[in-house]
């Protein structure tokens, strides 16, 4: 598995679509980070 380097907020934002496999719309996305590893990834649909 190739390592992914996150150096700034823009890198982290581009990582969201890669992790979920799509770009969420009208959703809240939470990703936990611990040192050099990604933890839990959660997507919640927002009410309309």
PDB file of N, CA and C in Angstrom:
ATOM      1  N   UNK A   1       0.849  -1.182   0.000  1.00  0.00           N
ATOM      2  CA  UNK A   1       0.000   0.000   0.000  1.00  0.00           C
ATOM      3  C   UNK A   1       0.885   1.232   0.000  1.00  0.00           C
ATOM      4  N   UNK A   2       0.586   2.188  -0.856  1.00  0.00           N
ATOM      5  CA  UNK A   2       1.358   3.419  -0.932  1.00  0.00           C
ATOM      6  C   UNK A   2       0.965   4.372   0.183  1.00  0.00           C
ATOM      7  N   UNK A   3       1.952   5.065   0.714  1.00  0.00           N
ATOM      8  CA  UNK A   3       1.692   6.053   1.763  1.00  0.00           C
ATOM      9  C   UNK A   3       1.150   7.330   1.137  1.00  0.00           C
ATOM     10  N   UNK A   4       0.276   7.992   1.848  1.00  0.00           N
ATOM     11  CA  UNK A   4      -0.290   9.257   1.414  1.00  0.00           C
ATOM     12  C   UNK A   4       0.175  10.325   2.390  1.00  0.00           C
ATOM     13  N   UNK A   5       0.797  11.375   1.873  1.00  0.00           N
ATOM     14  CA  UNK A   5       1.321  12.433   2.721  1.00  0.00           C
ATOM     15  C   UNK A   5       0.354  13.614   2.728  1.00  0.00           C
ATOM     16  N   UNK A   6      -0.048  14.017   3.918  1.00  0.00           N
ATOM     17  CA  UNK A   6      -0.930  15.178   4.096  1.00  0.00           C
ATOM     18  C   UNK A   6      -0.096  16.269   4.735  1.00  0.00           C
ATOM     19  N   UNK A   7       0.107  17.365   3.984  1.00  0.00           N
ATOM     20  CA  UNK A   7       0.947  18.458   4.470  1.00  0.00           C
ATOM     21  C   UNK A   7       0.160  19.702   4.845  1.00  0.00           C
ATOM     22  N   UNK A   8      -1.023  19.865   4.270  1.00  0.00           N
ATOM     23  CA  UNK A   8      -1.814  21.057   4.571  1.00  0.00           C
ATOM     24  C   UNK A   8      -3.302  20.726   4.464  1.00  0.00           C
ATOM     25  N   UNK A   9      -4.195  21.641   4.869  1.00  0.00           N
ATOM     26  CA  UNK A   9      -5.635  21.364   4.846  1.00  0.00           C
ATOM     27  C   UNK A   9      -6.173  20.957   3.473  1.00  0.00           C
ATOM     28  N   UNK A  10      -5.625  21.507   2.400  1.00  0.00           N
ATOM     29  CA  UNK A  10      -6.098  21.146   1.057  1.00  0.00           C
ATOM     30  C   UNK A  10      -5.837  19.668   0.761  1.00  0.00           C
ATOM     31  N   UNK A  11      -4.703  19.152   1.227  1.00  0.00           N
ATOM     32  CA  UNK A  11      -4.407  17.724   1.052  1.00  0.00           C
ATOM     33  C   UNK A  11      -5.437  16.869   1.787  1.00  0.00           C
ATOM     34  N   UNK A  12      -5.791  17.289   2.989  1.00  0.00           N
ATOM     35  CA  UNK A  12      -6.773  16.532   3.775  1.00  0.00           C
ATOM     36  C   UNK A  12      -8.137  16.560   3.100  1.00  0.00           C
ATOM     37  N   UNK A  13      -8.540  17.702   2.559  1.00  0.00           N
ATOM     38  CA  UNK A  13      -9.831  17.788   1.882  1.00  0.00           C
ATOM     39  C   UNK A  13      -9.877  16.894   0.646  1.00  0.00           C
ATOM     40  N   UNK A  14      -8.794  16.820  -0.101  1.00  0.00           N
ATOM     41  CA  UNK A  14      -8.772  15.960  -1.286  1.00  0.00           C
ATOM     42  C   UNK A  14      -8.780  14.490  -0.900  1.00  0.00           C
ATOM     43  N   UNK A  15      -8.343  14.181   0.307  1.00  0.00           N
ATOM     44  CA  UNK A  15      -8.319  12.805   0.801  1.00  0.00           C
ATOM     45  C   UNK A  15      -9.726  12.278   1.088  1.00  0.00           C
ATOM     46  N   UNK A  16     -10.673  13.161   1.394  1.00  0.00           N
ATOM     47  CA  UNK A  16     -12.035  12.743   1.749  1.00  0.00           C
ATOM     48  C   UNK A  16     -12.694  11.965   0.615  1.00  0.00           C
ATOM     49  N   UNK A  17     -12.656  12.496  -0.587  1.00  0.00           N
ATOM     50  CA  UNK A  17     -13.250  11.799  -1.727  1.00  0.00           C
ATOM     51  C   UNK A  17     -12.582  10.462  -1.990  1.00  0.00           C
ATOM     52  N   UNK A  18     -11.275  10.408  -1.817  1.00  0.00           N
ATOM     53  CA  UNK A  18     -10.532   9.161  -2.015  1.00  0.00           C
ATOM     54  C   UNK A  18     -10.951   8.108  -0.979  1.00  0.00           C
ATOM     55  N   UNK A  19     -11.098   8.518   0.261  1.00  0.00           N
ATOM     56  CA  UNK A  19     -11.442   7.590   1.342  1.00  0.00           C
ATOM     57  C   UNK A  19     -12.858   7.049   1.199  1.00  0.00           C
ATOM     58  N   UNK A  20     -13.813   7.917   0.891  1.00  0.00           N
ATOM     59  CA  UNK A  20     -15.208   7.497   0.800  1.00  0.00           C
ATOM     60  C   UNK A  20     -15.548   6.872  -0.549  1.00  0.00           C
ATOM     61  N   UNK A  21     -14.758   7.160  -1.576  1.00  0.00           N
ATOM     62  CA  UNK A  21     -15.029   6.620  -2.899  1.00  0.00           C
ATOM     63  C   UNK A  21     -15.943   7.498  -3.730  1.00  0.00           C
ATOM     64  N   UNK A  22     -16.358   8.643  -3.185  1.00  0.00           N
ATOM     65  CA  UNK A  22     -17.203   9.599  -3.898  1.00  0.00           C
ATOM     66  C   UNK A  22     -17.134  10.927  -3.159  1.00  0.00           C
ATOM     67  N   UNK A  23     -17.633  11.991  -3.805  1.00  0.00           N
ATOM     68  CA  UNK A  23     -17.683  13.296  -3.149  1.00  0.00           C
ATOM     69  C   UNK A  23     -19.065  13.488  -2.528  1.00  0.00           C
ATOM     70  N   UNK A  24     -19.153  13.516  -1.199  1.00  0.00           N
ATOM     71  CA  UNK A  24     -20.449  13.682  -0.538  1.00  0.00           C
ATOM     72  C   UNK A  24     -21.027  15.077  -0.764  1.00  0.00           C
ATOM     73  N   UNK A  25     -22.346  15.127  -0.878  1.00  0.00           N
ATOM     74  CA  UNK A  25     -23.047  16.398  -1.007  1.00  0.00           C
ATOM     75  C   UNK A  25     -24.108  16.450   0.079  1.00  0.00           C
ATOM     76  N   UNK A  26     -24.253  17.618   0.689  1.00  0.00           N
ATOM     77  CA  UNK A  26     -25.202  17.808   1.793  1.00  0.00           C
ATOM     78  C   UNK A  26     -24.961  16.789   2.897  1.00  0.00           C
ATOM     79  N   UNK A  27     -23.687  16.603   3.243  1.00  0.00           N
ATOM     80  CA  UNK A  27     -23.286  15.647   4.274  1.00  0.00           C
ATOM     81  C   UNK A  27     -22.223  16.273   5.158  1.00  0.00           C
ATOM     82  N   UNK A  28     -22.101  15.706   6.336  1.00  0.00           N
ATOM     83  CA  UNK A  28     -21.036  16.070   7.258  1.00  0.00           C
ATOM     84  C   UNK A  28     -20.073  14.894   7.294  1.00  0.00           C
ATOM     85  N   UNK A  29     -18.786  15.167   7.101  1.00  0.00           N
ATOM     86  CA  UNK A  29     -17.781  14.103   7.096  1.00  0.00           C
ATOM     87  C   UNK A  29     -16.815  14.346   8.239  1.00  0.00           C
ATOM     88  N   UNK A  30     -16.562  13.320   9.038  1.00  0.00           N
ATOM     89  CA  UNK A  30     -15.599  13.378  10.135  1.00  0.00           C
ATOM     90  C   UNK A  30     -14.550  12.292   9.922  1.00  0.00           C
ATOM     91  N   UNK A  31     -13.296  12.689  10.033  1.00  0.00           N
ATOM     92  CA  UNK A  31     -12.189  11.746   9.902  1.00  0.00           C
ATOM     93  C   UNK A  31     -11.281  11.941  11.100  1.00  0.00           C
ATOM     94  N   UNK A  32     -10.931  10.852  11.776  1.00  0.00           N
ATOM     95  CA  UNK A  32     -10.003  10.948  12.895  1.00  0.00           C
ATOM     96  C   UNK A  32      -8.605  10.599  12.417  1.00  0.00           C
ATOM     97  N   UNK A  33      -7.633  11.333  12.937  1.00  0.00           N
ATOM     98  CA  UNK A  33      -6.231  11.106  12.606  1.00  0.00           C
ATOM     99  C   UNK A  33      -5.465  10.887  13.905  1.00  0.00           C
ATOM    100  N   UNK A  34      -4.558   9.925  13.894  1.00  0.00           N
ATOM    101  CA  UNK A  34      -3.720   9.654  15.056  1.00  0.00           C
ATOM    102  C   UNK A  34      -2.300   9.434  14.569  1.00  0.00           C
ATOM    103  N   UNK A  35      -1.435  10.399  14.824  1.00  0.00           N
ATOM    104  CA  UNK A  35      -0.045  10.378  14.364  1.00  0.00           C
ATOM    105  C   UNK A  35      -0.003  10.204  12.861  1.00  0.00           C
ATOM    106  N   UNK A  36       0.345   9.035  12.358  1.00  0.00           N
ATOM    107  CA  UNK A  36       0.474   8.847  10.916  1.00  0.00           C
ATOM    108  C   UNK A  36      -0.566   7.882  10.362  1.00  0.00           C
ATOM    109  N   UNK A  37      -1.692   7.730  11.053  1.00  0.00           N
ATOM    110  CA  UNK A  37      -2.719   6.784  10.612  1.00  0.00           C
ATOM    111  C   UNK A  37      -4.100   7.428  10.624  1.00  0.00           C
ATOM    112  N   UNK A  38      -4.929   6.997   9.674  1.00  0.00           N
ATOM    113  CA  UNK A  38      -6.322   7.435   9.630  1.00  0.00           C
ATOM    114  C   UNK A  38      -7.133   6.468  10.478  1.00  0.00           C
ATOM    115  N   UNK A  39      -7.986   7.017  11.324  1.00  0.00           N
ATOM    116  CA  UNK A  39      -8.828   6.182  12.167  1.00  0.00           C
ATOM    117  C   UNK A  39     -10.216   6.049  11.571  1.00  0.00           C
ATOM    118  N   UNK A  40     -11.211   6.405  12.330  1.00  0.00           N
ATOM    119  CA  UNK A  40     -12.601   6.283  11.894  1.00  0.00           C
ATOM    120  C   UNK A  40     -12.938   7.334  10.841  1.00  0.00           C
ATOM    121  N   UNK A  41     -13.779   6.939   9.887  1.00  0.00           N
ATOM    122  CA  UNK A  41     -14.315   7.848   8.875  1.00  0.00           C
ATOM    123  C   UNK A  41     -15.826   7.739   8.921  1.00  0.00           C
ATOM    124  N   UNK A  42     -16.502   8.867   9.077  1.00  0.00           N
ATOM    125  CA  UNK A  42     -17.946   8.875   9.252  1.00  0.00           C
ATOM    126  C   UNK A  42     -18.571   9.910   8.325  1.00  0.00           C
ATOM    127  N   UNK A  43     -19.655   9.530   7.651  1.00  0.00           N
ATOM    128  CA  UNK A  43     -20.421  10.461   6.824  1.00  0.00           C
ATOM    129  C   UNK A  43     -21.860  10.437   7.283  1.00  0.00           C
ATOM    130  N   UNK A  44     -22.418  11.622   7.544  1.00  0.00           N
ATOM    131  CA  UNK A  44     -23.804  11.752   7.996  1.00  0.00           C
ATOM    132  C   UNK A  44     -24.529  12.679   7.038  1.00  0.00           C
ATOM    133  N   UNK A  45     -25.676  12.228   6.498  1.00  0.00           N
ATOM    134  CA  UNK A  45     -26.494  13.078   5.637  1.00  0.00           C
ATOM    135  C   UNK A  45     -27.152  14.167   6.488  1.00  0.00           C
ATOM    136  N   UNK A  46     -27.072  15.413   6.021  1.00  0.00           N
ATOM    137  CA  UNK A  46     -27.711  16.517   6.719  1.00  0.00           C
ATOM    138  C   UNK A  46     -29.184  16.600   6.339  1.00  0.00           C
ATOM    139  N   UNK A  47     -30.036  17.028   7.268  1.00  0.00           N
ATOM    140  CA  UNK A  47     -31.456  17.168   6.934  1.00  0.00           C
ATOM    141  C   UNK A  47     -31.653  18.274   5.901  1.00  0.00           C
ATOM    142  N   UNK A  48     -32.663  18.118   5.073  1.00  0.00           N
ATOM    143  CA  UNK A  48     -32.901  19.092   4.003  1.00  0.00           C
ATOM    144  C   UNK A  48     -33.598  20.314   4.500  1.00  0.00           C
TER     145      UNK A  48
END
